[in-house]
Amino acid sequence: MTHQSNAGSLARPRRGRIFTGRRVVRMADVTPDGRLRLDALARYLGDVAEDDVDDAGWEEPVGWVLRRSVLRVGRYPTLGATLRLDTFCSGTAPRWAERTTTVADGAGDALHVRALWVAVDRENGRPCRLSPAFEAVYGPSAEGRRVTARLSLPLPPDDVTVRPWPTRAVDLDGWGHVNNAVHWAAVEEVLADDGRRPRSATIEHHEPALPTADVRLAHRVTPGGIDLWLLDGTRRLTSVRLEDCGATA
């Protein structure tokens, strides 16, 4: 059975591996009103994913490139909160896998994130097949769910607002790409315009943003929320949809 698990949240699995990490929300991670920023959350998620792989002892020469993330917000953690991040594999395919992470603070579960990661060969950066060893470690918690890497967010229309979004040296990660947390920083730039907070967010990565890219940030406000794009000329690098954007969370 194929299940396109790209919406909503999943309960913690009944069996299989669940890894738990902890982070404290620090001053550099929040907006001026004390809300955890989305780019800081993205760093937490990336860190706990790496910690999980290290803890599992899975040492195959495979790298991971983020394809899609879906965020559901119950409430935003705030400055000083100690967060518990429970993460597990929630779906598989021959060349990619989905990771679900639940972020909880002292009041219980606050955020759910489902991220689709493509496995790539570390030598050439091309997608590669996941081995039986990966399935043995991470397959049981997926409980047979199969996931797709298909993307669905639309192209930008002609009437979007566009601004420069220059790439800095500190934005690049070990792959030489603009790190996915920086893409969320672009979202925060737009949210800062009117102070809104989305309850739901989807981000899709179409192509890597490279140091040579002339990146521009485009967005439009819609009745249902905000749409954003990172563009390099006419090439679409990233698409974002924010929904249920209230003034408070």
C-alpha atoms as a PDB file:
ATOM      1  CA  MET A   1       0.000   0.000   0.000  1.00  0.00           C
ATOM      2  CA  THR A   2       1.286   3.493  -0.837  1.00  0.00           C
ATOM      3  CA  HIS A   3       0.545   6.185   1.687  1.00  0.00           C
ATOM      4  CA  GLN A   4       1.425   9.791   0.879  1.00  0.00           C
ATOM      5  CA  SER A   5       2.229  10.918   4.381  1.00  0.00           C
ATOM      6  CA  ASN A   6       2.663  14.642   3.902  1.00  0.00           C
ATOM      7  CA  ALA A   7      -0.035  16.086   6.117  1.00  0.00           C
ATOM      8  CA  GLY A   8      -1.161  15.995   9.695  1.00  0.00           C
ATOM      9  CA  SER A   9       0.731  14.378  12.553  1.00  0.00           C
ATOM     10  CA  LEU A  10       1.483  10.798  13.485  1.00  0.00           C
ATOM     11  CA  ALA A  11       1.340   9.181  16.880  1.00  0.00           C
ATOM     12  CA  ARG A  12       4.532   7.703  18.238  1.00  0.00           C
ATOM     13  CA  PRO A  13       4.942   4.192  16.805  1.00  0.00           C
ATOM     14  CA  ARG A  14       3.976   1.100  18.759  1.00  0.00           C
ATOM     15  CA  ARG A  15       7.292  -0.552  17.923  1.00  0.00           C
ATOM     16  CA  GLY A  16      10.648   0.316  16.451  1.00  0.00           C
ATOM     17  CA  ARG A  17      13.223   2.968  17.181  1.00  0.00           C
ATOM     18  CA  ILE A  18      12.361   6.326  18.778  1.00  0.00           C
ATOM     19  CA  PHE A  19      15.224   8.660  19.613  1.00  0.00           C
ATOM     20  CA  THR A  20      14.853  11.487  22.144  1.00  0.00           C
ATOM     21  CA  GLY A  21      16.904  14.673  22.213  1.00  0.00           C
ATOM     22  CA  ARG A  22      16.624  17.810  24.314  1.00  0.00           C
ATOM     23  CA  ARG A  23      17.230  21.463  23.575  1.00  0.00           C
ATOM     24  CA  VAL A  24      16.802  24.679  25.561  1.00  0.00           C
ATOM     25  CA  VAL A  25      15.311  27.669  23.746  1.00  0.00           C
ATOM     26  CA  ARG A  26      17.999  30.356  23.990  1.00  0.00           C
ATOM     27  CA  MET A  27      17.992  34.097  23.351  1.00  0.00           C
ATOM     28  CA  ALA A  28      19.411  33.706  19.824  1.00  0.00           C
ATOM     29  CA  ASP A  29      16.558  31.318  18.918  1.00  0.00           C
ATOM     30  CA  VAL A  30      13.572  33.602  19.506  1.00  0.00           C
ATOM     31  CA  THR A  31      11.814  36.637  18.067  1.00  0.00           C
ATOM     32  CA  PRO A  32      11.744  39.890  20.087  1.00  0.00           C
ATOM     33  CA  ASP A  33       8.487  38.746  21.714  1.00  0.00           C
ATOM     34  CA  GLY A  34      10.059  35.455  22.823  1.00  0.00           C
ATOM     35  CA  ARG A  35       8.598  33.018  20.257  1.00  0.00           C
ATOM     36  CA  LEU A  36      10.797  30.191  18.979  1.00  0.00           C
ATOM     37  CA  ARG A  37      11.741  31.076  15.401  1.00  0.00           C
ATOM     38  CA  LEU A  38      11.208  28.573  12.609  1.00  0.00           C
ATOM     39  CA  ASP A  39      14.841  28.679  11.488  1.00  0.00           C
ATOM     40  CA  ALA A  40      15.957  27.791  15.030  1.00  0.00           C
ATOM     41  CA  LEU A  41      13.445  24.941  15.071  1.00  0.00           C
ATOM     42  CA  ALA A  42      14.915  23.690  11.782  1.00  0.00           C
ATOM     43  CA  ARG A  43      18.377  23.602  13.364  1.00  0.00           C
ATOM     44  CA  TYR A  44      17.039  21.648  16.349  1.00  0.00           C
ATOM     45  CA  LEU A  45      15.443  19.124  13.989  1.00  0.00           C
ATOM     46  CA  GLY A  46      18.606  18.696  11.950  1.00  0.00           C
ATOM     47  CA  ASP A  47      20.716  18.272  15.077  1.00  0.00           C
ATOM     48  CA  VAL A  48      18.482  15.633  16.639  1.00  0.00           C
ATOM     49  CA  ALA A  49      18.333  13.727  13.333  1.00  0.00           C
ATOM     50  CA  GLU A  50      22.135  13.604  13.216  1.00  0.00           C
ATOM     51  CA  ASP A  51      22.269  12.590  16.875  1.00  0.00           C
ATOM     52  CA  ASP A  52      19.829   9.766  16.158  1.00  0.00           C
ATOM     53  CA  VAL A  53      21.960   8.361  13.323  1.00  0.00           C
ATOM     54  CA  ASP A  54      25.103   8.579  15.461  1.00  0.00           C
ATOM     55  CA  ASP A  55      23.383   6.859  18.370  1.00  0.00           C
ATOM     56  CA  ALA A  56      22.018   4.084  16.131  1.00  0.00           C
ATOM     57  CA  GLY A  57      25.512   3.226  14.902  1.00  0.00           C
ATOM     58  CA  TRP A  58      24.376   3.239  11.272  1.00  0.00           C
ATOM     59  CA  GLU A  59      27.611   4.098   9.446  1.00  0.00           C
ATOM     60  CA  GLU A  60      26.939   3.673   5.728  1.00  0.00           C
ATOM     61  CA  PRO A  61      28.337   6.390   3.388  1.00  0.00           C
ATOM     62  CA  VAL A  62      24.978   8.049   2.806  1.00  0.00           C
ATOM     63  CA  GLY A  63      24.115  11.717   3.099  1.00  0.00           C
ATOM     64  CA  TRP A  64      20.671  13.250   3.382  1.00  0.00           C
ATOM     65  CA  VAL A  65      19.112  16.146   1.461  1.00  0.00           C
ATOM     66  CA  LEU A  66      15.835  17.622   2.657  1.00  0.00           C
ATOM     67  CA  ARG A  67      13.029  17.484   0.090  1.00  0.00           C
ATOM     68  CA  ARG A  68       9.915  18.531   2.030  1.00  0.00           C
ATOM     69  CA  SER A  69       8.822  19.437   5.559  1.00  0.00           C
ATOM     70  CA  VAL A  70       5.307  19.781   6.948  1.00  0.00           C
ATOM     71  CA  LEU A  71       4.857  21.599  10.257  1.00  0.00           C
ATOM     72  CA  ARG A  72       1.791  21.562  12.499  1.00  0.00           C
ATOM     73  CA  VAL A  73       1.753  23.950  15.464  1.00  0.00           C
ATOM     74  CA  GLY A  74      -0.269  23.503  18.624  1.00  0.00           C
ATOM     75  CA  ARG A  75       1.632  26.345  20.268  1.00  0.00           C
ATOM     76  CA  TYR A  76       5.027  27.962  19.883  1.00  0.00           C
ATOM     77  CA  PRO A  77       7.624  27.269  22.580  1.00  0.00           C
ATOM     78  CA  THR A  78       9.088  30.361  24.186  1.00  0.00           C
ATOM     79  CA  LEU A  79      12.385  31.635  25.577  1.00  0.00           C
ATOM     80  CA  GLY A  80      13.838  29.427  28.299  1.00  0.00           C
ATOM     81  CA  ALA A  81      11.698  26.366  27.565  1.00  0.00           C
ATOM     82  CA  THR A  82      13.358  22.965  27.764  1.00  0.00           C
ATOM     83  CA  LEU A  83      12.217  20.961  24.761  1.00  0.00           C
ATOM     84  CA  ARG A  84      11.979  17.218  24.313  1.00  0.00           C
ATOM     85  CA  LEU A  85      12.250  16.057  20.694  1.00  0.00           C
ATOM     86  CA  ASP A  86      11.041  12.519  19.982  1.00  0.00           C
ATOM     87  CA  THR A  87      11.993  11.480  16.447  1.00  0.00           C
ATOM     88  CA  PHE A  88      11.408   8.316  14.425  1.00  0.00           C
ATOM     89  CA  CYS A  89      11.256   7.025  10.875  1.00  0.00           C
ATOM     90  CA  SER A  90       7.609   7.252   9.773  1.00  0.00           C
ATOM     91  CA  GLY A  91       7.840   6.117   6.150  1.00  0.00           C
ATOM     92  CA  THR A  92      10.259   4.628   3.637  1.00  0.00           C
ATOM     93  CA  ALA A  93      10.907   4.240  -0.078  1.00  0.00           C
ATOM     94  CA  PRO A  94      13.869   2.857  -2.031  1.00  0.00           C
ATOM     95  CA  ARG A  95      15.773   6.179  -2.063  1.00  0.00           C
ATOM     96  CA  TRP A  96      14.206   8.346   0.625  1.00  0.00           C
ATOM     97  CA  ALA A  97      12.614   8.203   4.040  1.00  0.00           C
ATOM     98  CA  GLU A  98      10.327  10.297   6.182  1.00  0.00           C
ATOM     99  CA  ARG A  99      11.221  11.402   9.702  1.00  0.00           C
ATOM    100  CA  THR A 100       8.547  12.539  12.154  1.00  0.00           C
ATOM    101  CA  THR A 101       9.517  14.622  15.161  1.00  0.00           C
ATOM    102  CA  THR A 102       7.300  15.675  18.035  1.00  0.00           C
ATOM    103  CA  VAL A 103       8.496  18.684  20.015  1.00  0.00           C
ATOM    104  CA  ALA A 104       7.193  18.970  23.562  1.00  0.00           C
ATOM    105  CA  ASP A 105       7.699  21.582  26.266  1.00  0.00           C
ATOM    106  CA  GLY A 106       6.662  21.590  29.908  1.00  0.00           C
ATOM    107  CA  ALA A 107       2.976  21.755  28.948  1.00  0.00           C
ATOM    108  CA  GLY A 108       3.104  18.734  26.609  1.00  0.00           C
ATOM    109  CA  ASP A 109       3.301  18.305  22.843  1.00  0.00           C
ATOM    110  CA  ALA A 110       3.686  21.636  21.057  1.00  0.00           C
ATOM    111  CA  LEU A 111       4.799  20.947  17.453  1.00  0.00           C
ATOM    112  CA  HIS A 112       4.802  18.081  14.963  1.00  0.00           C
ATOM    113  CA  VAL A 113       7.111  18.016  11.942  1.00  0.00           C
ATOM    114  CA  ARG A 114       7.226  15.443   9.134  1.00  0.00           C
ATOM    115  CA  ALA A 115      10.296  15.725   6.931  1.00  0.00           C
ATOM    116  CA  LEU A 116      11.074  13.844   3.724  1.00  0.00           C
ATOM    117  CA  TRP A 117      14.814  13.251   3.255  1.00  0.00           C
ATOM    118  CA  VAL A 118      16.442  11.916   0.072  1.00  0.00           C
ATOM    119  CA  ALA A 119      19.434   9.601   0.509  1.00  0.00           C
ATOM    120  CA  VAL A 120      22.406  10.684  -1.595  1.00  0.00           C
ATOM    121  CA  ASP A 121      25.817   9.252  -2.345  1.00  0.00           C
ATOM    122  CA  ARG A 122      28.422  11.299  -0.478  1.00  0.00           C
ATOM    123  CA  GLU A 123      30.851  11.056  -3.382  1.00  0.00           C
ATOM    124  CA  ASN A 124      28.659  12.360  -6.213  1.00  0.00           C
ATOM    125  CA  GLY A 125      25.579  13.785  -4.456  1.00  0.00           C
ATOM    126  CA  ARG A 126      23.167  11.633  -6.459  1.00  0.00           C
ATOM    127  CA  PRO A 127      20.193   9.795  -4.947  1.00  0.00           C
ATOM    128  CA  CYS A 128      21.090   6.271  -3.886  1.00  0.00           C
ATOM    129  CA  ARG A 129      19.226   3.206  -2.700  1.00  0.00           C
ATOM    130  CA  LEU A 130      18.829   2.558   0.990  1.00  0.00           C
ATOM    131  CA  SER A 131      20.256  -0.745   2.153  1.00  0.00           C
ATOM    132  CA  PRO A 132      18.721  -3.616   4.128  1.00  0.00           C
ATOM    133  CA  ALA A 133      20.779  -2.344   7.082  1.00  0.00           C
ATOM    134  CA  PHE A 134      18.817   0.922   7.027  1.00  0.00           C
ATOM    135  CA  GLU A 135      15.547  -0.994   6.878  1.00  0.00           C
ATOM    136  CA  ALA A 136      16.614  -3.130   9.830  1.00  0.00           C
ATOM    137  CA  VAL A 137      17.300  -0.079  12.008  1.00  0.00           C
ATOM    138  CA  TYR A 138      14.576   2.327  10.882  1.00  0.00           C
ATOM    139  CA  GLY A 139      11.978   0.225   9.077  1.00  0.00           C
ATOM    140  CA  PRO A 140      10.039  -1.171  12.065  1.00  0.00           C
ATOM    141  CA  SER A 141       8.808   2.239  13.270  1.00  0.00           C
ATOM    142  CA  ALA A 142       7.544   3.073   9.750  1.00  0.00           C
ATOM    143  CA  GLU A 143       5.046   0.200  10.095  1.00  0.00           C
ATOM    144  CA  GLY A 144       4.901  -0.351   6.345  1.00  0.00           C
ATOM    145  CA  ARG A 145       4.135   3.255   5.299  1.00  0.00           C
ATOM    146  CA  ARG A 146       5.499   4.143   1.878  1.00  0.00           C
ATOM    147  CA  VAL A 147       6.169   7.793   1.106  1.00  0.00           C
ATOM    148  CA  THR A 148       6.494   9.785  -2.096  1.00  0.00           C
ATOM    149  CA  ALA A 149       8.937  12.591  -2.886  1.00  0.00           C
ATOM    150  CA  ARG A 150       6.413  14.258  -5.211  1.00  0.00           C
ATOM    151  CA  LEU A 151       6.108  18.027  -4.718  1.00  0.00           C
ATOM    152  CA  SER A 152       2.836  19.912  -5.105  1.00  0.00           C
ATOM    153  CA  LEU A 153       3.140  23.620  -4.254  1.00  0.00           C
ATOM    154  CA  PRO A 154       2.444  25.979  -7.183  1.00  0.00           C
ATOM    155  CA  LEU A 155       4.713  28.268  -9.148  1.00  0.00           C
ATOM    156  CA  PRO A 156       4.677  31.961  -8.197  1.00  0.00           C
ATOM    157  CA  PRO A 157       2.157  34.133 -10.062  1.00  0.00           C
ATOM    158  CA  ASP A 158       3.097  37.385 -11.764  1.00  0.00           C
ATOM    159  CA  ASP A 159       1.806  39.678  -9.002  1.00  0.00           C
ATOM    160  CA  VAL A 160       4.126  38.620  -6.164  1.00  0.00           C
ATOM    161  CA  THR A 161       6.203  40.995  -4.077  1.00  0.00           C
ATOM    162  CA  VAL A 162       9.922  40.374  -4.709  1.00  0.00           C
ATOM    163  CA  ARG A 163      12.980  41.439  -2.720  1.00  0.00           C
ATOM    164  CA  PRO A 164      16.672  40.484  -2.837  1.00  0.00           C
ATOM    165  CA  TRP A 165      17.799  37.649  -0.540  1.00  0.00           C
ATOM    166  CA  PRO A 166      21.602  37.621  -0.865  1.00  0.00           C
ATOM    167  CA  THR A 167      23.503  34.471   0.048  1.00  0.00           C
ATOM    168  CA  ARG A 168      26.160  34.823   2.759  1.00  0.00           C
ATOM    169  CA  ALA A 169      29.143  32.570   3.421  1.00  0.00           C
ATOM    170  CA  VAL A 170      27.681  31.598   6.817  1.00  0.00           C
ATOM    171  CA  ASP A 171      24.508  30.338   5.112  1.00  0.00           C
ATOM    172  CA  LEU A 172      26.333  27.423   3.477  1.00  0.00           C
ATOM    173  CA  ASP A 173      26.482  23.969   5.037  1.00  0.00           C
ATOM    174  CA  GLY A 174      28.854  21.045   4.545  1.00  0.00           C
ATOM    175  CA  TRP A 175      27.336  20.289   1.131  1.00  0.00           C
ATOM    176  CA  GLY A 176      28.095  23.811  -0.089  1.00  0.00           C
ATOM    177  CA  HIS A 177      24.346  24.544  -0.276  1.00  0.00           C
ATOM    178  CA  VAL A 178      22.343  27.179   1.564  1.00  0.00           C
ATOM    179  CA  ASN A 179      21.221  25.253   4.638  1.00  0.00           C
ATOM    180  CA  ASN A 180      17.512  24.505   4.984  1.00  0.00           C
ATOM    181  CA  ALA A 181      17.352  26.518   8.220  1.00  0.00           C
ATOM    182  CA  VAL A 182      18.215  29.634   6.193  1.00  0.00           C
ATOM    183  CA  HIS A 183      15.173  29.009   3.998  1.00  0.00           C
ATOM    184  CA  TRP A 184      13.064  29.207   7.164  1.00  0.00           C
ATOM    185  CA  ALA A 185      14.852  32.466   8.001  1.00  0.00           C
ATOM    186  CA  ALA A 186      13.363  33.853   4.785  1.00  0.00           C
ATOM    187  CA  VAL A 187       9.936  32.831   6.086  1.00  0.00           C
ATOM    188  CA  GLU A 188      10.628  34.671   9.333  1.00  0.00           C
ATOM    189  CA  GLU A 189      11.553  37.786   7.333  1.00  0.00           C
ATOM    190  CA  VAL A 190       8.086  37.828   5.778  1.00  0.00           C
ATOM    191  CA  LEU A 191       6.335  37.023   9.066  1.00  0.00           C
ATOM    192  CA  ALA A 192       8.116  39.956  10.711  1.00  0.00           C
ATOM    193  CA  ASP A 193       6.264  42.300   8.328  1.00  0.00           C
ATOM    194  CA  ASP A 194       2.978  41.862  10.190  1.00  0.00           C
ATOM    195  CA  GLY A 195       3.708  39.680  13.237  1.00  0.00           C
ATOM    196  CA  ARG A 196       1.594  36.726  12.152  1.00  0.00           C
ATOM    197  CA  ARG A 197       2.190  33.144  13.287  1.00  0.00           C
ATOM    198  CA  PRO A 198       1.219  30.195  11.083  1.00  0.00           C
ATOM    199  CA  ARG A 199      -0.358  27.098  12.583  1.00  0.00           C
ATOM    200  CA  SER A 200       0.583  25.080   9.509  1.00  0.00           C
ATOM    201  CA  ALA A 201       3.552  25.334   7.160  1.00  0.00           C
ATOM    202  CA  THR A 202       4.812  23.313   4.202  1.00  0.00           C
ATOM    203  CA  ILE A 203       8.215  23.870   2.619  1.00  0.00           C
ATOM    204  CA  GLU A 204       9.409  22.134  -0.559  1.00  0.00           C
ATOM    205  CA  HIS A 205      12.964  22.220  -1.879  1.00  0.00           C
ATOM    206  CA  HIS A 206      13.189  21.998  -5.675  1.00  0.00           C
ATOM    207  CA  GLU A 207      16.863  22.761  -6.306  1.00  0.00           C
ATOM    208  CA  PRO A 208      19.807  23.602  -4.046  1.00  0.00           C
ATOM    209  CA  ALA A 209      20.621  27.257  -3.498  1.00  0.00           C
ATOM    210  CA  LEU A 210      24.305  27.528  -4.437  1.00  0.00           C
ATOM    211  CA  PRO A 211      26.802  30.297  -3.582  1.00  0.00           C
ATOM    212  CA  THR A 212      26.579  31.636  -7.147  1.00  0.00           C
ATOM    213  CA  ALA A 213      22.785  31.994  -7.070  1.00  0.00           C
ATOM    214  CA  ASP A 214      21.161  35.424  -7.340  1.00  0.00           C
ATOM    215  CA  VAL A 215      18.494  34.570  -4.778  1.00  0.00           C
ATOM    216  CA  ARG A 216      15.300  36.591  -4.529  1.00  0.00           C
ATOM    217  CA  LEU A 217      12.497  36.203  -2.013  1.00  0.00           C
ATOM    218  CA  ALA A 218       8.968  36.406  -3.446  1.00  0.00           C
ATOM    219  CA  HIS A 219       5.731  36.269  -1.482  1.00  0.00           C
ATOM    220  CA  ARG A 220       2.042  37.013  -1.611  1.00  0.00           C
ATOM    221  CA  VAL A 221      -0.620  37.205   1.074  1.00  0.00           C
ATOM    222  CA  THR A 222      -3.736  35.139   0.331  1.00  0.00           C
ATOM    223  CA  PRO A 223      -7.078  34.763   2.135  1.00  0.00           C
ATOM    224  CA  GLY A 224      -5.823  31.454   3.548  1.00  0.00           C
ATOM    225  CA  GLY A 225      -2.316  32.525   4.543  1.00  0.00           C
ATOM    226  CA  ILE A 226       0.982  33.389   2.845  1.00  0.00           C
ATOM    227  CA  ASP A 227       2.836  31.822  -0.091  1.00  0.00           C
ATOM    228  CA  LEU A 228       6.604  32.283  -0.470  1.00  0.00           C
ATOM    229  CA  TRP A 229       9.271  31.335  -2.982  1.00  0.00           C
ATOM    230  CA  LEU A 230      13.044  31.563  -3.167  1.00  0.00           C
ATOM    231  CA  LEU A 231      14.042  32.117  -6.798  1.00  0.00           C
ATOM    232  CA  ASP A 232      17.265  32.216  -8.778  1.00  0.00           C
ATOM    233  CA  GLY A 233      16.255  34.123 -11.879  1.00  0.00           C
ATOM    234  CA  THR A 234      13.332  32.105 -13.232  1.00  0.00           C
ATOM    235  CA  ARG A 235      14.437  28.929 -11.412  1.00  0.00           C
ATOM    236  CA  ARG A 236      12.378  27.987  -8.390  1.00  0.00           C
ATOM    237  CA  LEU A 237      14.571  26.885  -5.481  1.00  0.00           C
ATOM    238  CA  THR A 238      12.046  26.648  -2.665  1.00  0.00           C
ATOM    239  CA  SER A 239       8.277  26.944  -2.253  1.00  0.00           C
ATOM    240  CA  VAL A 240       6.478  27.585   1.049  1.00  0.00           C
ATOM    241  CA  ARG A 241       2.845  27.671   2.059  1.00  0.00           C
ATOM    242  CA  LEU A 242       1.800  29.108   5.433  1.00  0.00           C
ATOM    243  CA  GLU A 243      -1.776  28.579   6.609  1.00  0.00           C
ATOM    244  CA  ASP A 244      -3.979  29.638   9.504  1.00  0.00           C
ATOM    245  CA  CYS A 245      -1.809  32.683  10.097  1.00  0.00           C
ATOM    246  CA  GLY A 246      -3.220  34.358  13.192  1.00  0.00           C
ATOM    247  CA  ALA A 247      -1.664  37.166  15.181  1.00  0.00           C
ATOM    248  CA  THR A 248      -1.149  34.876  18.160  1.00  0.00           C
ATOM    249  CA  ALA A 249      -0.376  31.190  18.622  1.00  0.00           C
END
